[in-house]
Amino acid sequence: MLGALSRDRHGPKIFPRRLQLFALRLEHILIATFKFSGLVTQVGFAFLGTIMAGQALAQSDTAPTQKATQSDFSLQANVSLVSQYRVRGLMQTDNKPALQGGLDLTHSSGFYVGNWNSSITWLSDSDDRVSAPVEMDFYGGYTTKVWKDLSVDLGAIRYYYPGSFPSGYVSPDTTEVYAGVGYGPVSFKYSQSVTNLFGTPGSRNSQYYDLKGSFPTGLWGLTADAHVGYQRVRGLSDGSYTDWLLGVSKGWKNGLTVSLDYIGTNANRDVYTNSKGMYMGRSTALLSATERF
């Protein structure tokens, strides 16, 4: 399909090998990420093919003196396999592995948009009438450095859960706006929901505070990672809680990062125990492997 789209009326154009390999790997990522939910469509890949073919045609028609000019846009894909999926310390896949992947498009000005997806079970775990096996996140914002290592990040994110729900079920779809600041290896992010929070009635304007840091250890290329967060849930008695993370990670030049984390919360058991009797906030170790292209 991509080969067909890389031709014009004057004859075949040569698809640069690096772009061809990138497009092929990107297709594999998207297939792996969405296969379980049946969301792969020819329209999605036709759109991807059009983008890649357009880049190929633009490069082939550019004069040699202009080929070194770097695009203002950059596209990065990622795919992950995790031993289980947690959001703000809470179980999302009933202690089972999850497949994840996404795309990020950034501009040199600092603006960005992206999509990230994961397999989930927490909705069906809470109600067996629900069928919603995937989480899809769509986000966009602006980030820039304001002074030396000091940066700011402003944006919005939509958590979308396609599926089937019984009549009267409160939608878990959630929209948040966020503002973050980073200095060196430390960052702080404030998020506020402008809708109900993950299906909790009356929880609009709930807030999440996220403080984290990543520090090189100087030992075998390992990085020490730490996080503490506080989720304030409006409209839910005893629903607010603190979560934390301690871990180590290691990255390689080929784009692979492996991390091992220990995660815990003080979430109320009566509030955060699902219909299967599983406490969603219990402490656990989490192993993940992420490849970026």
C-alpha atoms as a PDB file:
ATOM      1  CA  MET A   1       0.000   0.000   0.000  1.00  0.00           C
ATOM      2  CA  LEU A   2       2.762   2.468   0.911  1.00  0.00           C
ATOM      3  CA  GLY A   3       4.598   1.647  -2.298  1.00  0.00           C
ATOM      4  CA  ALA A   4       1.509   2.437  -4.350  1.00  0.00           C
ATOM      5  CA  LEU A   5       1.063   5.785  -2.634  1.00  0.00           C
ATOM      6  CA  SER A   6       4.678   6.784  -3.285  1.00  0.00           C
ATOM      7  CA  ARG A   7       4.103   7.143  -7.055  1.00  0.00           C
ATOM      8  CA  ASP A   8       2.973  10.160  -9.067  1.00  0.00           C
ATOM      9  CA  ARG A   9       1.908  10.644 -12.691  1.00  0.00           C
ATOM     10  CA  HIS A  10       5.536  10.977 -13.794  1.00  0.00           C
ATOM     11  CA  GLY A  11       6.425   7.451 -12.680  1.00  0.00           C
ATOM     12  CA  PRO A  12       7.690   5.677  -9.574  1.00  0.00           C
ATOM     13  CA  LYS A  13       9.475   7.562  -6.827  1.00  0.00           C
ATOM     14  CA  ILE A  14      12.066   5.845  -4.670  1.00  0.00           C
ATOM     15  CA  PHE A  15      10.860   5.568  -1.075  1.00  0.00           C
ATOM     16  CA  PRO A  16      13.893   6.354   1.140  1.00  0.00           C
ATOM     17  CA  ARG A  17      14.913   3.158   2.917  1.00  0.00           C
ATOM     18  CA  ARG A  18      14.884   4.679   6.397  1.00  0.00           C
ATOM     19  CA  LEU A  19      11.380   6.042   5.949  1.00  0.00           C
ATOM     20  CA  GLN A  20      10.230   2.717   4.501  1.00  0.00           C
ATOM     21  CA  LEU A  21      11.597   0.806   7.490  1.00  0.00           C
ATOM     22  CA  PHE A  22      10.108   3.351   9.883  1.00  0.00           C
ATOM     23  CA  ALA A  23       6.693   3.092   8.239  1.00  0.00           C
ATOM     24  CA  LEU A  24       6.814  -0.706   8.312  1.00  0.00           C
ATOM     25  CA  ARG A  25       7.776  -0.789  11.991  1.00  0.00           C
ATOM     26  CA  LEU A  26       5.126   1.811  12.746  1.00  0.00           C
ATOM     27  CA  GLU A  27       2.469  -0.317  11.068  1.00  0.00           C
ATOM     28  CA  HIS A  28       3.583  -3.277  13.164  1.00  0.00           C
ATOM     29  CA  ILE A  29       3.315  -1.192  16.339  1.00  0.00           C
ATOM     30  CA  LEU A  30      -0.202  -0.046  15.538  1.00  0.00           C
ATOM     31  CA  ILE A  31      -1.308  -3.565  14.582  1.00  0.00           C
ATOM     32  CA  ALA A  32       0.074  -5.005  17.814  1.00  0.00           C
ATOM     33  CA  THR A  33      -1.453  -2.225  19.896  1.00  0.00           C
ATOM     34  CA  PHE A  34      -4.964  -2.343  18.501  1.00  0.00           C
ATOM     35  CA  LYS A  35      -5.405  -5.904  17.251  1.00  0.00           C
ATOM     36  CA  PHE A  36      -7.040  -7.076  20.462  1.00  0.00           C
ATOM     37  CA  SER A  37      -9.749  -4.407  20.213  1.00  0.00           C
ATOM     38  CA  GLY A  38     -10.461  -4.650  16.471  1.00  0.00           C
ATOM     39  CA  LEU A  39      -9.658  -0.978  15.941  1.00  0.00           C
ATOM     40  CA  VAL A  40      -7.266  -1.399  13.028  1.00  0.00           C
ATOM     41  CA  THR A  41      -8.837  -0.033   9.869  1.00  0.00           C
ATOM     42  CA  GLN A  42      -7.703   0.543   6.295  1.00  0.00           C
ATOM     43  CA  VAL A  43      -8.518   4.227   6.704  1.00  0.00           C
ATOM     44  CA  GLY A  44      -5.956   4.595   9.506  1.00  0.00           C
ATOM     45  CA  PHE A  45      -3.184   2.993   7.479  1.00  0.00           C
ATOM     46  CA  ALA A  46      -4.161   4.888   4.331  1.00  0.00           C
ATOM     47  CA  PHE A  47      -3.721   8.097   6.339  1.00  0.00           C
ATOM     48  CA  LEU A  48      -0.358   6.893   7.634  1.00  0.00           C
ATOM     49  CA  GLY A  49       0.671   5.898   4.116  1.00  0.00           C
ATOM     50  CA  THR A  50      -0.306   9.281   2.743  1.00  0.00           C
ATOM     51  CA  ILE A  51       1.860  11.040   5.326  1.00  0.00           C
ATOM     52  CA  MET A  52       4.854   8.830   4.615  1.00  0.00           C
ATOM     53  CA  ALA A  53       4.401   9.050   0.848  1.00  0.00           C
ATOM     54  CA  GLY A  54       4.176  12.826   1.113  1.00  0.00           C
ATOM     55  CA  GLN A  55       7.454  12.912   3.010  1.00  0.00           C
ATOM     56  CA  ALA A  56       9.069  10.673   0.378  1.00  0.00           C
ATOM     57  CA  LEU A  57       7.863  12.855  -2.510  1.00  0.00           C
ATOM     58  CA  ALA A  58       8.970  16.015  -0.748  1.00  0.00           C
ATOM     59  CA  GLN A  59      12.443  14.596  -0.193  1.00  0.00           C
ATOM     60  CA  SER A  60      12.783  13.295  -3.750  1.00  0.00           C
ATOM     61  CA  ASP A  61      11.797  16.671  -5.238  1.00  0.00           C
ATOM     62  CA  THR A  62      14.080  18.749  -3.000  1.00  0.00           C
ATOM     63  CA  ALA A  63      17.245  20.208  -4.480  1.00  0.00           C
ATOM     64  CA  PRO A  64      20.520  18.719  -3.135  1.00  0.00           C
ATOM     65  CA  THR A  65      21.395  21.994  -1.388  1.00  0.00           C
ATOM     66  CA  GLN A  66      18.121  21.813   0.563  1.00  0.00           C
ATOM     67  CA  LYS A  67      18.261  18.148   1.605  1.00  0.00           C
ATOM     68  CA  ALA A  68      20.178  18.974   4.755  1.00  0.00           C
ATOM     69  CA  THR A  69      17.361  21.219   5.967  1.00  0.00           C
ATOM     70  CA  GLN A  70      15.709  19.583   8.962  1.00  0.00           C
ATOM     71  CA  SER A  71      11.934  19.480   9.226  1.00  0.00           C
ATOM     72  CA  ASP A  72      10.270  21.539  11.954  1.00  0.00           C
ATOM     73  CA  PHE A  73       8.175  18.462  12.776  1.00  0.00           C
ATOM     74  CA  SER A  74       9.294  15.222  14.379  1.00  0.00           C
ATOM     75  CA  LEU A  75       7.301  12.005  14.718  1.00  0.00           C
ATOM     76  CA  GLN A  76       8.115   9.354  17.306  1.00  0.00           C
ATOM     77  CA  ALA A  77       6.426   6.022  17.962  1.00  0.00           C
ATOM     78  CA  ASN A  78       6.600   3.864  21.056  1.00  0.00           C
ATOM     79  CA  VAL A  79       5.463   0.380  22.026  1.00  0.00           C
ATOM     80  CA  SER A  80       5.584  -1.198  25.499  1.00  0.00           C
ATOM     81  CA  LEU A  81       4.974  -4.491  27.210  1.00  0.00           C
ATOM     82  CA  VAL A  82       4.332  -4.207  30.959  1.00  0.00           C
ATOM     83  CA  SER A  83       3.791  -6.853  33.619  1.00  0.00           C
ATOM     84  CA  GLN A  84       0.641  -4.940  34.579  1.00  0.00           C
ATOM     85  CA  TYR A  85      -0.817  -1.475  33.964  1.00  0.00           C
ATOM     86  CA  ARG A  86      -1.284   1.038  36.766  1.00  0.00           C
ATOM     87  CA  VAL A  87      -2.742   4.569  36.634  1.00  0.00           C
ATOM     88  CA  ARG A  88      -1.947   6.792  39.592  1.00  0.00           C
ATOM     89  CA  GLY A  89      -1.139   3.673  41.535  1.00  0.00           C
ATOM     90  CA  LEU A  90      -4.413   1.867  40.786  1.00  0.00           C
ATOM     91  CA  MET A  91      -4.707  -1.500  39.040  1.00  0.00           C
ATOM     92  CA  GLN A  92      -5.993  -1.369  35.449  1.00  0.00           C
ATOM     93  CA  THR A  93      -5.442  -4.928  34.192  1.00  0.00           C
ATOM     94  CA  ASP A  94      -6.252  -7.156  37.189  1.00  0.00           C
ATOM     95  CA  ASN A  95      -2.539  -7.848  37.807  1.00  0.00           C
ATOM     96  CA  LYS A  96      -2.136  -9.110  34.221  1.00  0.00           C
ATOM     97  CA  PRO A  97       0.266  -7.905  31.479  1.00  0.00           C
ATOM     98  CA  ALA A  98      -0.700  -5.079  29.131  1.00  0.00           C
ATOM     99  CA  LEU A  99       0.318  -4.113  25.603  1.00  0.00           C
ATOM    100  CA  GLN A 100       0.715  -0.388  24.971  1.00  0.00           C
ATOM    101  CA  GLY A 101       1.747   1.963  22.183  1.00  0.00           C
ATOM    102  CA  GLY A 102       1.465   5.472  20.840  1.00  0.00           C
ATOM    103  CA  LEU A 103       2.601   8.270  18.538  1.00  0.00           C
ATOM    104  CA  ASP A 104       3.885  11.773  19.294  1.00  0.00           C
ATOM    105  CA  LEU A 105       4.110  14.615  16.780  1.00  0.00           C
ATOM    106  CA  THR A 106       6.108  17.635  17.936  1.00  0.00           C
ATOM    107  CA  HIS A 107       6.980  20.971  16.365  1.00  0.00           C
ATOM    108  CA  SER A 108      10.186  22.913  16.923  1.00  0.00           C
ATOM    109  CA  SER A 109       8.105  25.774  18.376  1.00  0.00           C
ATOM    110  CA  GLY A 110       7.155  23.569  21.340  1.00  0.00           C
ATOM    111  CA  PHE A 111       3.627  22.561  20.324  1.00  0.00           C
ATOM    112  CA  TYR A 112       2.792  18.855  20.350  1.00  0.00           C
ATOM    113  CA  VAL A 113      -0.060  16.378  19.873  1.00  0.00           C
ATOM    114  CA  GLY A 114      -0.147  12.682  20.566  1.00  0.00           C
ATOM    115  CA  ASN A 115      -2.055   9.463  21.076  1.00  0.00           C
ATOM    116  CA  TRP A 116      -1.316   6.635  23.516  1.00  0.00           C
ATOM    117  CA  ASN A 117      -3.208   3.364  23.987  1.00  0.00           C
ATOM    118  CA  SER A 118      -3.290   0.402  26.360  1.00  0.00           C
ATOM    119  CA  SER A 119      -5.179  -2.812  26.933  1.00  0.00           C
ATOM    120  CA  ILE A 120      -7.279  -2.657  30.127  1.00  0.00           C
ATOM    121  CA  THR A 121      -9.719  -4.771  32.167  1.00  0.00           C
ATOM    122  CA  TRP A 122     -10.687  -2.473  35.055  1.00  0.00           C
ATOM    123  CA  LEU A 123     -14.047  -1.454  33.582  1.00  0.00           C
ATOM    124  CA  SER A 124     -15.226  -5.021  32.983  1.00  0.00           C
ATOM    125  CA  ASP A 125     -13.716  -6.018  36.350  1.00  0.00           C
ATOM    126  CA  SER A 126     -15.992  -3.479  38.045  1.00  0.00           C
ATOM    127  CA  ASP A 127     -19.117  -4.481  36.082  1.00  0.00           C
ATOM    128  CA  ASP A 128     -19.405  -7.677  34.002  1.00  0.00           C
ATOM    129  CA  ARG A 129     -21.994  -5.969  31.761  1.00  0.00           C
ATOM    130  CA  VAL A 130     -19.267  -3.665  30.432  1.00  0.00           C
ATOM    131  CA  SER A 131     -17.100  -4.488  27.417  1.00  0.00           C
ATOM    132  CA  ALA A 132     -14.313  -1.903  27.076  1.00  0.00           C
ATOM    133  CA  PRO A 133     -10.910  -3.564  26.534  1.00  0.00           C
ATOM    134  CA  VAL A 134      -8.846  -0.526  25.525  1.00  0.00           C
ATOM    135  CA  GLU A 135      -7.901   2.925  26.783  1.00  0.00           C
ATOM    136  CA  MET A 136      -7.115   5.582  24.177  1.00  0.00           C
ATOM    137  CA  ASP A 137      -5.521   8.864  25.259  1.00  0.00           C
ATOM    138  CA  PHE A 138      -5.445  11.958  23.037  1.00  0.00           C
ATOM    139  CA  TYR A 139      -3.459  14.978  24.142  1.00  0.00           C
ATOM    140  CA  GLY A 140      -1.929  18.222  22.977  1.00  0.00           C
ATOM    141  CA  GLY A 141      -0.078  21.130  24.457  1.00  0.00           C
ATOM    142  CA  TYR A 142       2.889  23.447  24.465  1.00  0.00           C
ATOM    143  CA  THR A 143       6.227  23.095  26.231  1.00  0.00           C
ATOM    144  CA  THR A 144       9.243  25.389  26.305  1.00  0.00           C
ATOM    145  CA  LYS A 145      12.322  26.283  28.298  1.00  0.00           C
ATOM    146  CA  VAL A 146      11.975  29.598  30.109  1.00  0.00           C
ATOM    147  CA  TRP A 147      15.396  29.784  31.762  1.00  0.00           C
ATOM    148  CA  LYS A 148      18.371  27.399  31.555  1.00  0.00           C
ATOM    149  CA  ASP A 149      17.033  24.032  32.808  1.00  0.00           C
ATOM    150  CA  LEU A 150      13.639  25.440  33.811  1.00  0.00           C
ATOM    151  CA  SER A 151      10.776  24.354  31.526  1.00  0.00           C
ATOM    152  CA  VAL A 152       6.982  24.657  31.493  1.00  0.00           C
ATOM    153  CA  ASP A 153       4.317  22.434  29.959  1.00  0.00           C
ATOM    154  CA  LEU A 154       0.659  23.357  29.375  1.00  0.00           C
ATOM    155  CA  GLY A 155      -1.935  21.102  27.770  1.00  0.00           C
ATOM    156  CA  ALA A 156      -5.049  18.953  27.852  1.00  0.00           C
ATOM    157  CA  ILE A 157      -5.696  15.206  27.656  1.00  0.00           C
ATOM    158  CA  ARG A 158      -8.757  13.097  26.853  1.00  0.00           C
ATOM    159  CA  TYR A 159      -9.001   9.560  28.259  1.00  0.00           C
ATOM    160  CA  TYR A 160     -11.365   7.679  25.946  1.00  0.00           C
ATOM    161  CA  TYR A 161     -12.767   4.177  26.555  1.00  0.00           C
ATOM    162  CA  PRO A 162     -14.572   2.805  23.482  1.00  0.00           C
ATOM    163  CA  GLY A 163     -16.899  -0.103  24.172  1.00  0.00           C
ATOM    164  CA  SER A 164     -20.403  -1.089  25.222  1.00  0.00           C
ATOM    165  CA  PHE A 165     -21.973   0.009  28.501  1.00  0.00           C
ATOM    166  CA  PRO A 166     -25.334  -0.748  30.139  1.00  0.00           C
ATOM    167  CA  SER A 167     -28.088   1.855  30.198  1.00  0.00           C
ATOM    168  CA  GLY A 168     -27.523   4.531  32.830  1.00  0.00           C
ATOM    169  CA  TYR A 169     -23.791   3.764  33.189  1.00  0.00           C
ATOM    170  CA  VAL A 170     -21.759   6.907  33.945  1.00  0.00           C
ATOM    171  CA  SER A 171     -19.231   7.373  31.150  1.00  0.00           C
ATOM    172  CA  PRO A 172     -15.620   6.768  32.218  1.00  0.00           C
ATOM    173  CA  ASP A 173     -14.349   9.140  29.494  1.00  0.00           C
ATOM    174  CA  THR A 174     -12.386  11.911  31.191  1.00  0.00           C
ATOM    175  CA  THR A 175     -10.881  15.230  30.106  1.00  0.00           C
ATOM    176  CA  GLU A 176      -8.199  16.998  32.111  1.00  0.00           C
ATOM    177  CA  VAL A 177      -6.189  20.177  31.684  1.00  0.00           C
ATOM    178  CA  TYR A 178      -2.684  20.301  33.098  1.00  0.00           C
ATOM    179  CA  ALA A 179       0.237  22.595  33.878  1.00  0.00           C
ATOM    180  CA  GLY A 180       3.726  21.391  34.638  1.00  0.00           C
ATOM    181  CA  VAL A 181       7.124  22.764  35.504  1.00  0.00           C
ATOM    182  CA  GLY A 182      10.463  20.991  35.340  1.00  0.00           C
ATOM    183  CA  TYR A 183      13.925  21.821  36.579  1.00  0.00           C
ATOM    184  CA  GLY A 184      16.728  19.449  35.693  1.00  0.00           C
ATOM    185  CA  PRO A 185      15.779  15.919  36.753  1.00  0.00           C
ATOM    186  CA  VAL A 186      12.746  16.989  38.828  1.00  0.00           C
ATOM    187  CA  SER A 187       9.252  17.901  37.606  1.00  0.00           C
ATOM    188  CA  PHE A 188       5.879  18.788  39.080  1.00  0.00           C
ATOM    189  CA  LYS A 189       2.551  18.555  37.256  1.00  0.00           C
ATOM    190  CA  TYR A 190      -0.938  19.682  38.270  1.00  0.00           C
ATOM    191  CA  SER A 191      -3.977  18.174  36.527  1.00  0.00           C
ATOM    192  CA  GLN A 192      -7.648  19.093  36.936  1.00  0.00           C
ATOM    193  CA  SER A 193     -10.605  17.277  35.437  1.00  0.00           C
ATOM    194  CA  VAL A 194     -13.174  19.314  33.519  1.00  0.00           C
ATOM    195  CA  THR A 195     -15.503  16.284  33.389  1.00  0.00           C
ATOM    196  CA  ASN A 196     -16.366  13.532  35.840  1.00  0.00           C
ATOM    197  CA  LEU A 197     -13.230  11.622  36.808  1.00  0.00           C
ATOM    198  CA  PHE A 198     -13.154   8.117  35.294  1.00  0.00           C
ATOM    199  CA  GLY A 199     -16.888   7.539  35.753  1.00  0.00           C
ATOM    200  CA  THR A 200     -17.274   8.804  39.325  1.00  0.00           C
ATOM    201  CA  PRO A 201     -20.541  10.814  39.551  1.00  0.00           C
ATOM    202  CA  GLY A 202     -20.166  14.417  40.722  1.00  0.00           C
ATOM    203  CA  SER A 203     -16.355  14.319  40.519  1.00  0.00           C
ATOM    204  CA  ARG A 204     -15.806  17.217  38.118  1.00  0.00           C
ATOM    205  CA  ASN A 205     -12.855  19.455  39.113  1.00  0.00           C
ATOM    206  CA  SER A 206     -10.998  16.623  40.799  1.00  0.00           C
ATOM    207  CA  GLN A 207      -7.254  17.267  41.011  1.00  0.00           C
ATOM    208  CA  TYR A 208      -4.040  15.292  40.750  1.00  0.00           C
ATOM    209  CA  TYR A 209      -0.632  16.464  41.984  1.00  0.00           C
ATOM    210  CA  ASP A 210       2.397  14.672  40.526  1.00  0.00           C
ATOM    211  CA  LEU A 211       5.979  15.148  41.752  1.00  0.00           C
ATOM    212  CA  LYS A 212       8.689  12.983  40.217  1.00  0.00           C
ATOM    213  CA  GLY A 213      12.384  12.805  39.500  1.00  0.00           C
ATOM    214  CA  SER A 214      14.907  10.714  37.586  1.00  0.00           C
ATOM    215  CA  PHE A 215      18.524  10.691  38.764  1.00  0.00           C
ATOM    216  CA  PRO A 216      21.524   9.032  37.066  1.00  0.00           C
ATOM    217  CA  THR A 217      23.254   6.689  39.497  1.00  0.00           C
ATOM    218  CA  GLY A 218      26.569   6.501  37.672  1.00  0.00           C
ATOM    219  CA  LEU A 219      26.378   2.715  38.014  1.00  0.00           C
ATOM    220  CA  TRP A 220      25.928   0.545  34.866  1.00  0.00           C
ATOM    221  CA  GLY A 221      23.970   3.344  33.214  1.00  0.00           C
ATOM    222  CA  LEU A 222      21.080   2.947  35.676  1.00  0.00           C
ATOM    223  CA  THR A 223      18.685   5.759  36.554  1.00  0.00           C
ATOM    224  CA  ALA A 224      16.905   5.976  39.905  1.00  0.00           C
ATOM    225  CA  ASP A 225      13.241   6.979  39.526  1.00  0.00           C
ATOM    226  CA  ALA A 226      10.919   8.329  42.230  1.00  0.00           C
ATOM    227  CA  HIS A 227       7.352   9.634  42.251  1.00  0.00           C
ATOM    228  CA  VAL A 228       4.736  10.729  44.746  1.00  0.00           C
ATOM    229  CA  GLY A 229       1.218  11.812  43.760  1.00  0.00           C
ATOM    230  CA  TYR A 230      -1.998  12.864  45.421  1.00  0.00           C
ATOM    231  CA  GLN A 231      -5.391  12.235  43.814  1.00  0.00           C
ATOM    232  CA  ARG A 232      -8.174  14.393  45.212  1.00  0.00           C
ATOM    233  CA  VAL A 233     -11.559  13.009  44.171  1.00  0.00           C
ATOM    234  CA  ARG A 234     -14.537  15.309  44.528  1.00  0.00           C
ATOM    235  CA  GLY A 235     -17.934  13.824  45.304  1.00  0.00           C
ATOM    236  CA  LEU A 236     -16.573  10.514  46.626  1.00  0.00           C
ATOM    237  CA  SER A 237     -16.230  10.066  50.368  1.00  0.00           C
ATOM    238  CA  ASP A 238     -12.817   8.576  51.253  1.00  0.00           C
ATOM    239  CA  GLY A 239     -11.951   8.522  47.558  1.00  0.00           C
ATOM    240  CA  SER A 240      -8.832  10.695  47.793  1.00  0.00           C
ATOM    241  CA  TYR A 241      -5.465   8.993  48.246  1.00  0.00           C
ATOM    242  CA  THR A 242      -1.676   9.199  47.840  1.00  0.00           C
ATOM    243  CA  ASP A 243       0.396   6.988  45.533  1.00  0.00           C
ATOM    244  CA  TRP A 244       4.149   6.525  45.220  1.00  0.00           C
ATOM    245  CA  LEU A 245       6.803   4.828  43.121  1.00  0.00           C
ATOM    246  CA  LEU A 246      10.451   3.883  43.548  1.00  0.00           C
ATOM    247  CA  GLY A 247      12.389   2.198  40.785  1.00  0.00           C
ATOM    248  CA  VAL A 248      15.367   1.882  38.473  1.00  0.00           C
ATOM    249  CA  SER A 249      15.553   2.071  34.694  1.00  0.00           C
ATOM    250  CA  LYS A 250      18.132   1.636  31.971  1.00  0.00           C
ATOM    251  CA  GLY A 251      18.070   2.931  28.414  1.00  0.00           C
ATOM    252  CA  TRP A 252      20.021   1.843  25.352  1.00  0.00           C
ATOM    253  CA  LYS A 253      20.958   3.787  22.226  1.00  0.00           C
ATOM    254  CA  ASN A 254      18.663   1.621  20.085  1.00  0.00           C
ATOM    255  CA  GLY A 255      15.624   3.173  21.825  1.00  0.00           C
ATOM    256  CA  LEU A 256      14.920   0.359  24.301  1.00  0.00           C
ATOM    257  CA  THR A 257      14.253   1.225  27.953  1.00  0.00           C
ATOM    258  CA  VAL A 258      13.662  -1.359  30.682  1.00  0.00           C
ATOM    259  CA  SER A 259      12.420  -0.372  34.138  1.00  0.00           C
ATOM    260  CA  LEU A 260      11.600  -2.110  37.406  1.00  0.00           C
ATOM    261  CA  ASP A 261       9.388  -0.188  39.846  1.00  0.00           C
ATOM    262  CA  TYR A 262       7.763  -0.716  43.199  1.00  0.00           C
ATOM    263  CA  ILE A 263       4.358   0.987  43.406  1.00  0.00           C
ATOM    264  CA  GLY A 264       2.031   1.569  46.342  1.00  0.00           C
ATOM    265  CA  THR A 265      -0.944   3.629  47.547  1.00  0.00           C
ATOM    266  CA  ASN A 266      -2.936   4.343  50.697  1.00  0.00           C
ATOM    267  CA  ALA A 267      -6.238   4.159  48.782  1.00  0.00           C
ATOM    268  CA  ASN A 268      -9.221   3.145  50.914  1.00  0.00           C
ATOM    269  CA  ARG A 269      -9.905  -0.590  50.516  1.00  0.00           C
ATOM    270  CA  ASP A 270     -13.653  -0.187  50.819  1.00  0.00           C
ATOM    271  CA  VAL A 271     -13.688   2.323  47.949  1.00  0.00           C
ATOM    272  CA  TYR A 272     -11.088   0.730  45.674  1.00  0.00           C
ATOM    273  CA  THR A 273     -11.978  -2.978  45.795  1.00  0.00           C
ATOM    274  CA  ASN A 274     -13.550  -4.183  42.530  1.00  0.00           C
ATOM    275  CA  SER A 275     -16.385  -6.646  41.989  1.00  0.00           C
ATOM    276  CA  LYS A 276     -13.855  -9.514  41.860  1.00  0.00           C
ATOM    277  CA  GLY A 277     -12.700  -8.698  45.384  1.00  0.00           C
ATOM    278  CA  MET A 278      -9.333  -7.327  44.177  1.00  0.00           C
ATOM    279  CA  TYR A 279      -7.905  -4.333  46.036  1.00  0.00           C
ATOM    280  CA  MET A 280      -6.881  -2.006  43.193  1.00  0.00           C
ATOM    281  CA  GLY A 281      -4.377   0.000  45.229  1.00  0.00           C
ATOM    282  CA  ARG A 282      -2.255  -2.764  46.698  1.00  0.00           C
ATOM    283  CA  SER A 283       1.528  -2.499  46.490  1.00  0.00           C
ATOM    284  CA  THR A 284       3.262  -4.338  43.687  1.00  0.00           C
ATOM    285  CA  ALA A 285       6.423  -4.616  41.586  1.00  0.00           C
ATOM    286  CA  LEU A 286       6.074  -3.658  37.921  1.00  0.00           C
ATOM    287  CA  LEU A 287       8.427  -4.589  35.085  1.00  0.00           C
ATOM    288  CA  SER A 288       8.222  -2.788  31.741  1.00  0.00           C
ATOM    289  CA  ALA A 289      10.069  -2.701  28.417  1.00  0.00           C
ATOM    290  CA  THR A 290       9.551   0.206  26.005  1.00  0.00           C
ATOM    291  CA  GLU A 291      10.923   0.638  22.483  1.00  0.00           C
ATOM    292  CA  ARG A 292      10.947   4.078  20.843  1.00  0.00           C
ATOM    293  CA  PHE A 293      11.428   4.639  17.127  1.00  0.00           C
END
